[in-house]
Amino acid sequence: MIRVTRLDGTEYYINPHQIESIETHPDTTLIMLSGKKVIVREKPEQILQRIIEYRKLIGGFKNEE
């Protein structure tokens, strides 16, 4: 799970494997596989870095290197 912050300042965790795409216009919007949209304070680069760190933590890159 990765930590994200809603626009109202609420922090929570989401499953990065459920993120289908990330859009910026101008707020960062995570589009989930379910179709739900989550607007967060983090920049797309921050989200991507957290996903990479999470995947390293769980060993997600072992089959991808």
Protein backbone atom coordinates (compact mmCIF):
# COMPACT_ATOMS: atom_id res chain seq x y z
CA MET A 1 0.00 0.00 0.00
CA ILE A 2 1.16 3.55 -0.65
CA ARG A 3 0.26 6.68 1.28
CA VAL A 4 -1.59 9.47 -0.52
CA THR A 5 -3.13 12.74 0.67
CA ARG A 6 -6.56 13.95 -0.39
CA LEU A 7 -7.00 17.65 -1.11
CA ASP A 8 -8.61 18.13 2.33
CA GLY A 9 -5.40 16.85 4.00
CA THR A 10 -6.69 13.39 4.89
CA GLU A 11 -3.97 10.77 4.51
CA TYR A 12 -4.81 7.21 3.61
CA TYR A 13 -3.36 4.20 1.83
CA ILE A 14 -4.29 2.73 -1.53
CA ASN A 15 -3.28 -0.44 -3.33
CA PRO A 16 -0.97 0.68 -6.17
CA HIS A 17 -1.87 -2.43 -8.17
CA GLN A 18 -5.37 -1.01 -8.55
CA ILE A 19 -4.20 2.22 -10.24
CA GLU A 20 -4.99 2.13 -13.95
CA SER A 21 -3.64 5.57 -14.85
CA ILE A 22 -2.58 8.93 -13.43
CA GLU A 23 -3.77 12.24 -14.89
CA THR A 24 -2.85 15.82 -14.09
CA HIS A 25 -5.30 18.63 -14.83
CA PRO A 26 -4.11 20.50 -12.70
CA ASP A 27 -4.65 18.27 -9.66
CA THR A 28 -3.26 14.73 -9.71
CA THR A 29 -6.06 12.26 -10.36
CA LEU A 30 -5.62 8.53 -9.85
CA ILE A 31 -8.00 6.48 -11.99
CA MET A 32 -8.53 3.12 -10.36
CA LEU A 33 -9.36 -0.15 -12.16
CA SER A 34 -12.86 0.12 -10.71
CA GLY A 35 -13.34 3.45 -12.51
CA LYS A 36 -13.22 5.43 -9.26
CA LYS A 37 -11.21 8.66 -9.43
CA VAL A 38 -9.13 9.77 -6.47
CA ILE A 39 -7.76 13.33 -6.43
CA VAL A 40 -4.57 13.71 -4.40
CA ARG A 41 -2.07 16.42 -3.43
CA GLU A 42 1.01 14.50 -4.54
CA LYS A 43 2.59 15.10 -7.93
CA PRO A 44 2.62 12.15 -10.38
CA GLU A 45 6.38 11.78 -9.90
CA GLN A 46 5.88 11.34 -6.14
CA ILE A 47 3.22 8.68 -6.72
CA LEU A 48 5.48 6.82 -9.15
CA GLN A 49 8.39 6.94 -6.69
CA ARG A 50 6.16 5.53 -3.92
CA ILE A 51 5.01 2.74 -6.21
CA ILE A 52 8.64 1.87 -7.06
CA GLU A 53 9.60 1.87 -3.35
CA TYR A 54 6.59 -0.31 -2.53
CA ARG A 55 7.40 -2.80 -5.28
CA LYS A 56 11.02 -3.00 -4.09
CA LEU A 57 9.79 -3.62 -0.55
CA ILE A 58 7.58 -6.53 -1.59
CA GLY A 59 10.06 -7.88 -4.13
CA GLY A 60 7.96 -6.88 -7.12
CA PHE A 61 10.96 -6.15 -9.32
CA LYS A 62 12.66 -9.55 -9.03
CA ASN A 63 10.92 -10.89 -12.13
CA GLU A 64 11.25 -7.60 -14.02
CA GLU A 65 15.03 -7.08 -13.89
